[in-house]
Each structure stands twice: as C-alpha cells, then as structure tokens.
Amino acid sequence: MTPRESSELKRDCVAIEIPSGRPRPLSSGTRVKVMQNLGDSYTLMTDLGQMLRIDATDADALGVTSSQPAEPPVSEFSENLVWDQLKTIYDPEIPVNVVDLGLVYSCDVTRVEDRYRIGVKMTLTAPGCGMADVLRADVEGKLAKLPQVKEVFVEVVFDPPWQPSRMSEAAKLQLGLDLGSGFELPIYRQR
C-alpha cells in the first residue's frame, strides 16, 4: 500500500484519533488512505475525513509488512544516541520529527551510578492537542529502550508556546516553507 492509496483494513485494530488522542476501534473492511508512514506509526485518513494513527505493529491490518528496519543493537550509551532516538518520533500530522519541528525544548541526561536518567521537556504545536499523552509515551518508550537507561521523565509544557520559527532549517526546507512571508502551518491554524 503506497501513500494516498485507498484500501480496506484486513483486520480489526485500534487507532488513535488525531488530534483528540482518543483510542478508536477500527473494523476490518474500513476504507483508509495512508497519509504518512514515519517513525513507528502510520497516519491514516478514512473516507469520512477522520485522521487516525496506528502503530507500525498493526501494519498488517493495512496489508503491508512493517517497513521499520530492525534496530541495530547498541551497547554504549551516549547523548547523541538520545537525540538520534528523538529524531525517530514524528508528529502525526506534520511529516517532520519532533526535534526538527522544534517540539523538544530540553533534554537533560544525568548519570546515576552506572545508569542514566533522561529528562525531556517538550511541547506541542497547539496547546489543545490531545496527542500529548501519545507523543509523551512515544518519547518515553523510545528512550527507555536505550542501553543503560534507568529512568525517563517527559514533561509536556506550553510555556513558551511553540512557534513555527522554532523549526530547524531542514524542517522548513522539507515543508517548503518561507517563514519570512507570514506563513502559518495549515494544521496549526485549524485549532
């Protein structure tokens, strides 16, 4: 199944509504289009115009084998490894990772004996977005899998509020944006 191609789900699965963040059961036979397949999830659009997200572990419901490559074993912890992991987490509506989108405000790594504690402060593109718990869980899950990590704390904050100017130059180029022209992300404007 390629992006924007419509197909029917092959089995029942649970999706997350975007932007509410509420779980929603999907029945086999539901028609969906894959809008993006980044990180460990698929963003879908139903024929009724509902945007949903499913985990790559449910890719078989779409009739595809997960395209996620097997992660090579990592034996040595580093702060670069933490940032690399964060860059594998994507906003479900905007095809940019949370680091380049400017959602990660800080990432503090503290050594605790022979292990590490990671504290992340991050935000969302809009304060009312219900995806906060979903993205928080993505960050916690990815970072907890790193070698020698003892604890991960993720705090979602809204001060200072996110602005499109926080995006990296790479993200701006990827989205074809010229921030000097008074641009707003369409999804940001809708909320």
C-alpha atoms as a PDB file:
ATOM      1  CA  MET A   1       0.000   0.000   0.000  1.00  0.00           C
ATOM      2  CA  THR A   2       1.511   3.304  -1.050  1.00  0.00           C
ATOM      3  CA  PRO A   3       0.804   6.732   0.463  1.00  0.00           C
ATOM      4  CA  ARG A   4      -2.523   8.210  -0.610  1.00  0.00           C
ATOM      5  CA  GLU A   5      -3.704   4.831  -1.953  1.00  0.00           C
ATOM      6  CA  SER A   6      -7.064   3.786  -0.564  1.00  0.00           C
ATOM      7  CA  SER A   7      -7.594   0.260   0.720  1.00  0.00           C
ATOM      8  CA  GLU A   8      -9.620  -1.712   3.241  1.00  0.00           C
ATOM      9  CA  LEU A   9      -8.314  -2.805   6.618  1.00  0.00           C
ATOM     10  CA  LYS A  10      -7.558  -6.520   6.655  1.00  0.00           C
ATOM     11  CA  ARG A  11      -8.371  -6.968  10.356  1.00  0.00           C
ATOM     12  CA  ASP A  12      -9.735  -5.077  13.340  1.00  0.00           C
ATOM     13  CA  CYS A  13      -7.278  -2.815  15.155  1.00  0.00           C
ATOM     14  CA  VAL A  14      -7.244   0.161  17.499  1.00  0.00           C
ATOM     15  CA  ALA A  15      -6.295   3.592  16.173  1.00  0.00           C
ATOM     16  CA  ILE A  16      -5.735   6.936  17.874  1.00  0.00           C
ATOM     17  CA  GLU A  17      -7.912   9.831  16.713  1.00  0.00           C
ATOM     18  CA  ILE A  18      -5.948  12.905  15.622  1.00  0.00           C
ATOM     19  CA  PRO A  19      -5.910  15.486  17.176  1.00  0.00           C
ATOM     20  CA  SER A  20      -8.047  14.315  20.128  1.00  0.00           C
ATOM     21  CA  GLY A  21      -5.737  11.437  21.101  1.00  0.00           C
ATOM     22  CA  ARG A  22      -8.693   9.164  21.913  1.00  0.00           C
ATOM     23  CA  PRO A  23      -8.455   5.451  21.108  1.00  0.00           C
ATOM     24  CA  ARG A  24     -10.869   4.307  18.423  1.00  0.00           C
ATOM     25  CA  PRO A  25     -11.553   0.740  17.314  1.00  0.00           C
ATOM     26  CA  LEU A  26     -11.438   0.222  13.555  1.00  0.00           C
ATOM     27  CA  SER A  27     -13.223  -2.697  11.960  1.00  0.00           C
ATOM     28  CA  SER A  28     -11.933  -4.925   9.239  1.00  0.00           C
ATOM     29  CA  GLY A  29     -13.137  -3.534   5.898  1.00  0.00           C
ATOM     30  CA  THR A  30     -12.851   0.144   6.933  1.00  0.00           C
ATOM     31  CA  ARG A  31     -11.546   2.151   3.950  1.00  0.00           C
ATOM     32  CA  VAL A  32      -8.438   4.207   4.724  1.00  0.00           C
ATOM     33  CA  LYS A  33      -5.650   6.085   2.947  1.00  0.00           C
ATOM     34  CA  VAL A  34      -2.117   6.178   4.324  1.00  0.00           C
ATOM     35  CA  MET A  35      -1.164   9.847   4.624  1.00  0.00           C
ATOM     36  CA  GLN A  36       2.306   9.240   6.076  1.00  0.00           C
ATOM     37  CA  ASN A  37       4.398   6.350   7.356  1.00  0.00           C
ATOM     38  CA  LEU A  38       7.156   7.801   9.515  1.00  0.00           C
ATOM     39  CA  GLY A  39       8.810   6.607  12.676  1.00  0.00           C
ATOM     40  CA  ASP A  40       6.835   3.791  14.249  1.00  0.00           C
ATOM     41  CA  SER A  41       3.370   4.735  13.051  1.00  0.00           C
ATOM     42  CA  TYR A  42       1.036   5.302  10.130  1.00  0.00           C
ATOM     43  CA  THR A  43      -1.211   8.344   9.794  1.00  0.00           C
ATOM     44  CA  LEU A  44      -4.455   7.406   8.044  1.00  0.00           C
ATOM     45  CA  MET A  45      -7.451   9.227   6.626  1.00  0.00           C
ATOM     46  CA  THR A  46     -10.830   7.485   6.477  1.00  0.00           C
ATOM     47  CA  ASP A  47     -13.312   8.023   3.671  1.00  0.00           C
ATOM     48  CA  LEU A  48     -15.266  10.130   6.192  1.00  0.00           C
ATOM     49  CA  GLY A  49     -12.312  12.526   6.561  1.00  0.00           C
ATOM     50  CA  GLN A  50     -11.227  11.336  10.006  1.00  0.00           C
ATOM     51  CA  MET A  51      -7.466  11.393  10.667  1.00  0.00           C
ATOM     52  CA  LEU A  52      -6.147   8.458  12.694  1.00  0.00           C
ATOM     53  CA  ARG A  53      -2.840   6.949  13.722  1.00  0.00           C
ATOM     54  CA  ILE A  54      -1.946   3.286  14.089  1.00  0.00           C
ATOM     55  CA  ASP A  55       1.305   1.802  15.325  1.00  0.00           C
ATOM     56  CA  ALA A  56       3.639   0.026  12.927  1.00  0.00           C
ATOM     57  CA  THR A  57       2.910  -3.142  14.913  1.00  0.00           C
ATOM     58  CA  ASP A  58      -0.545  -3.031  13.276  1.00  0.00           C
ATOM     59  CA  ALA A  59       0.825  -2.548   9.734  1.00  0.00           C
ATOM     60  CA  ASP A  60      -0.519  -5.972   8.773  1.00  0.00           C
ATOM     61  CA  ALA A  61      -4.041  -4.555   9.209  1.00  0.00           C
ATOM     62  CA  LEU A  62      -3.160  -2.352   6.234  1.00  0.00           C
ATOM     63  CA  GLY A  63      -1.984  -5.383   4.300  1.00  0.00           C
ATOM     64  CA  VAL A  64       1.687  -4.409   4.496  1.00  0.00           C
ATOM     65  CA  THR A  65       4.685  -5.654   6.359  1.00  0.00           C
ATOM     66  CA  SER A  66       6.069  -3.001   8.671  1.00  0.00           C
ATOM     67  CA  SER A  67       8.741  -1.024   6.852  1.00  0.00           C
ATOM     68  CA  GLN A  68      10.595  -0.332  10.059  1.00  0.00           C
ATOM     69  CA  PRO A  69      14.134  -1.650   9.814  1.00  0.00           C
ATOM     70  CA  ALA A  70      15.392  -3.755  12.677  1.00  0.00           C
ATOM     71  CA  GLU A  71      17.238  -1.523  15.084  1.00  0.00           C
ATOM     72  CA  PRO A  72      20.890  -2.484  15.350  1.00  0.00           C
ATOM     73  CA  PRO A  73      21.972  -3.428  18.854  1.00  0.00           C
ATOM     74  CA  VAL A  74      23.599  -0.542  20.672  1.00  0.00           C
ATOM     75  CA  SER A  75      25.796  -1.330  23.608  1.00  0.00           C
ATOM     76  CA  GLU A  76      27.183   2.074  24.511  1.00  0.00           C
ATOM     77  CA  PHE A  77      25.072   4.965  25.775  1.00  0.00           C
ATOM     78  CA  SER A  78      25.714   8.500  24.523  1.00  0.00           C
ATOM     79  CA  GLU A  79      23.818  11.780  24.482  1.00  0.00           C
ATOM     80  CA  ASN A  80      23.950  11.702  20.664  1.00  0.00           C
ATOM     81  CA  LEU A  81      22.124   8.378  20.815  1.00  0.00           C
ATOM     82  CA  VAL A  82      19.348  10.064  22.816  1.00  0.00           C
ATOM     83  CA  TRP A  83      18.943  12.807  20.198  1.00  0.00           C
ATOM     84  CA  ASP A  84      19.056  10.240  17.393  1.00  0.00           C
ATOM     85  CA  GLN A  85      16.193   8.350  19.071  1.00  0.00           C
ATOM     86  CA  LEU A  86      14.174  11.546  19.489  1.00  0.00           C
ATOM     87  CA  LYS A  87      14.551  12.181  15.752  1.00  0.00           C
ATOM     88  CA  THR A  88      12.716   8.918  15.035  1.00  0.00           C
ATOM     89  CA  ILE A  89       9.498  10.261  16.597  1.00  0.00           C
ATOM     90  CA  TYR A  90       7.206  12.140  14.236  1.00  0.00           C
ATOM     91  CA  ASP A  91       4.293  14.488  14.619  1.00  0.00           C
ATOM     92  CA  PRO A  92       1.267  12.541  13.307  1.00  0.00           C
ATOM     93  CA  GLU A  93       0.006  15.493  11.255  1.00  0.00           C
ATOM     94  CA  ILE A  94       3.205  17.094  10.010  1.00  0.00           C
ATOM     95  CA  PRO A  95       5.826  14.858   8.355  1.00  0.00           C
ATOM     96  CA  VAL A  96       8.697  16.172  10.486  1.00  0.00           C
ATOM     97  CA  ASN A  97      10.343  14.637  13.548  1.00  0.00           C
ATOM     98  CA  VAL A  98       9.750  16.262  16.938  1.00  0.00           C
ATOM     99  CA  VAL A  99      13.332  17.580  17.198  1.00  0.00           C
ATOM    100  CA  ASP A 100      13.389  19.343  13.815  1.00  0.00           C
ATOM    101  CA  LEU A 101       9.844  20.562  14.392  1.00  0.00           C
ATOM    102  CA  GLY A 102      11.156  22.337  17.493  1.00  0.00           C
ATOM    103  CA  LEU A 103       8.939  20.492  19.956  1.00  0.00           C
ATOM    104  CA  VAL A 104      11.800  19.351  22.208  1.00  0.00           C
ATOM    105  CA  TYR A 105      12.751  22.275  24.444  1.00  0.00           C
ATOM    106  CA  SER A 106      15.360  20.450  26.517  1.00  0.00           C
ATOM    107  CA  CYS A 107      16.880  17.038  27.064  1.00  0.00           C
ATOM    108  CA  ASP A 108      18.920  16.567  30.225  1.00  0.00           C
ATOM    109  CA  VAL A 109      20.964  13.422  30.754  1.00  0.00           C
ATOM    110  CA  THR A 110      22.182  12.662  34.286  1.00  0.00           C
ATOM    111  CA  ARG A 111      24.416   9.784  35.260  1.00  0.00           C
ATOM    112  CA  VAL A 112      23.105   7.809  38.255  1.00  0.00           C
ATOM    113  CA  GLU A 113      25.813   5.324  39.271  1.00  0.00           C
ATOM    114  CA  ASP A 114      26.263   3.105  36.194  1.00  0.00           C
ATOM    115  CA  ARG A 115      22.946   4.117  34.531  1.00  0.00           C
ATOM    116  CA  TYR A 116      21.310   7.260  33.158  1.00  0.00           C
ATOM    117  CA  ARG A 117      18.245   9.357  33.907  1.00  0.00           C
ATOM    118  CA  ILE A 118      16.806  11.333  30.990  1.00  0.00           C
ATOM    119  CA  GLY A 119      14.534  14.338  31.459  1.00  0.00           C
ATOM    120  CA  VAL A 120      12.794  15.826  28.429  1.00  0.00           C
ATOM    121  CA  LYS A 121      10.729  18.997  28.244  1.00  0.00           C
ATOM    122  CA  MET A 122       8.670  19.196  25.113  1.00  0.00           C
ATOM    123  CA  THR A 123       5.635  20.957  23.732  1.00  0.00           C
ATOM    124  CA  LEU A 124       3.041  20.531  21.004  1.00  0.00           C
ATOM    125  CA  THR A 125       2.164  22.723  18.044  1.00  0.00           C
ATOM    126  CA  ALA A 126      -1.111  23.666  19.760  1.00  0.00           C
ATOM    127  CA  PRO A 127      -1.988  23.680  23.483  1.00  0.00           C
ATOM    128  CA  GLY A 128      -5.338  21.922  22.995  1.00  0.00           C
ATOM    129  CA  CYS A 129      -3.884  18.981  21.062  1.00  0.00           C
ATOM    130  CA  GLY A 130      -4.974  15.682  22.559  1.00  0.00           C
ATOM    131  CA  MET A 131      -1.880  13.909  21.231  1.00  0.00           C
ATOM    132  CA  ALA A 132       0.208  14.986  24.258  1.00  0.00           C
ATOM    133  CA  ASP A 133      -0.045  11.602  26.004  1.00  0.00           C
ATOM    134  CA  VAL A 134       0.613   9.734  22.755  1.00  0.00           C
ATOM    135  CA  LEU A 135       3.773  11.714  21.946  1.00  0.00           C
ATOM    136  CA  ARG A 136       4.914  11.568  25.582  1.00  0.00           C
ATOM    137  CA  ALA A 137       4.555   7.775  25.504  1.00  0.00           C
ATOM    138  CA  ASP A 138       6.467   7.629  22.205  1.00  0.00           C
ATOM    139  CA  VAL A 139       9.373   9.571  23.720  1.00  0.00           C
ATOM    140  CA  GLU A 140       9.365   7.585  26.971  1.00  0.00           C
ATOM    141  CA  GLY A 141       9.208   4.261  25.140  1.00  0.00           C
ATOM    142  CA  LYS A 142      11.981   5.039  22.675  1.00  0.00           C
ATOM    143  CA  LEU A 143      14.360   6.433  25.272  1.00  0.00           C
ATOM    144  CA  ALA A 144      13.678   3.693  27.826  1.00  0.00           C
ATOM    145  CA  LYS A 145      14.932   1.123  25.294  1.00  0.00           C
ATOM    146  CA  LEU A 146      18.389   2.706  25.146  1.00  0.00           C
ATOM    147  CA  PRO A 147      21.185   0.835  26.896  1.00  0.00           C
ATOM    148  CA  GLN A 148      21.943   1.786  30.479  1.00  0.00           C
ATOM    149  CA  VAL A 149      18.835   3.986  30.866  1.00  0.00           C
ATOM    150  CA  LYS A 150      17.346   3.787  34.345  1.00  0.00           C
ATOM    151  CA  GLU A 151      14.528   6.364  34.114  1.00  0.00           C
ATOM    152  CA  VAL A 152      12.889   8.649  31.597  1.00  0.00           C
ATOM    153  CA  PHE A 153      10.766  11.648  32.574  1.00  0.00           C
ATOM    154  CA  VAL A 154       8.893  13.577  29.901  1.00  0.00           C
ATOM    155  CA  GLU A 155       7.132  16.814  30.756  1.00  0.00           C
ATOM    156  CA  VAL A 156       4.821  18.454  28.220  1.00  0.00           C
ATOM    157  CA  VAL A 157       4.934  22.232  28.671  1.00  0.00           C
ATOM    158  CA  PHE A 158       3.263  25.127  26.890  1.00  0.00           C
ATOM    159  CA  ASP A 159       5.420  27.997  28.100  1.00  0.00           C
ATOM    160  CA  PRO A 160       6.888  29.307  25.939  1.00  0.00           C
ATOM    161  CA  PRO A 161       4.265  28.463  23.343  1.00  0.00           C
ATOM    162  CA  TRP A 162       5.525  26.720  20.217  1.00  0.00           C
ATOM    163  CA  GLN A 163       6.005  28.918  17.175  1.00  0.00           C
ATOM    164  CA  PRO A 164       6.825  27.813  13.597  1.00  0.00           C
ATOM    165  CA  SER A 165      10.085  29.765  13.895  1.00  0.00           C
ATOM    166  CA  ARG A 166      11.327  27.010  16.277  1.00  0.00           C
ATOM    167  CA  MET A 167      11.623  24.586  13.347  1.00  0.00           C
ATOM    168  CA  SER A 168      15.071  23.692  12.052  1.00  0.00           C
ATOM    169  CA  GLU A 169      16.140  24.937   8.642  1.00  0.00           C
ATOM    170  CA  ALA A 170      15.930  21.318   7.432  1.00  0.00           C
ATOM    171  CA  ALA A 171      12.286  21.117   8.523  1.00  0.00           C
ATOM    172  CA  LYS A 172      11.445  24.409   6.833  1.00  0.00           C
ATOM    173  CA  LEU A 173      13.049  23.196   3.618  1.00  0.00           C
ATOM    174  CA  GLN A 174      11.332  19.812   3.871  1.00  0.00           C
ATOM    175  CA  LEU A 175       7.948  21.515   4.173  1.00  0.00           C
ATOM    176  CA  GLY A 176       8.789  24.105   1.511  1.00  0.00           C
ATOM    177  CA  LEU A 177       8.205  26.993   3.889  1.00  0.00           C
ATOM    178  CA  ASP A 178       9.291  30.594   3.797  1.00  0.00           C
ATOM    179  CA  LEU A 179       8.725  31.835   7.337  1.00  0.00           C
ATOM    180  CA  GLY A 180       9.505  35.390   6.332  1.00  0.00           C
ATOM    181  CA  SER A 181       6.226  35.601   4.423  1.00  0.00           C
ATOM    182  CA  GLY A 182       3.898  35.434   7.453  1.00  0.00           C
ATOM    183  CA  PHE A 183       3.280  31.725   6.998  1.00  0.00           C
ATOM    184  CA  GLU A 184       1.272  29.531   9.364  1.00  0.00           C
ATOM    185  CA  LEU A 185       1.125  25.755   9.300  1.00  0.00           C
ATOM    186  CA  PRO A 186      -2.364  24.918   7.990  1.00  0.00           C
ATOM    187  CA  ILE A 187      -2.897  22.356  10.755  1.00  0.00           C
ATOM    188  CA  TYR A 188      -1.812  24.911  13.383  1.00  0.00           C
ATOM    189  CA  ARG A 189      -4.295  27.456  12.086  1.00  0.00           C
ATOM    190  CA  GLN A 190      -7.221  24.972  12.251  1.00  0.00           C
ATOM    191  CA  ARG A 191      -7.088  24.526  16.020  1.00  0.00           C
END
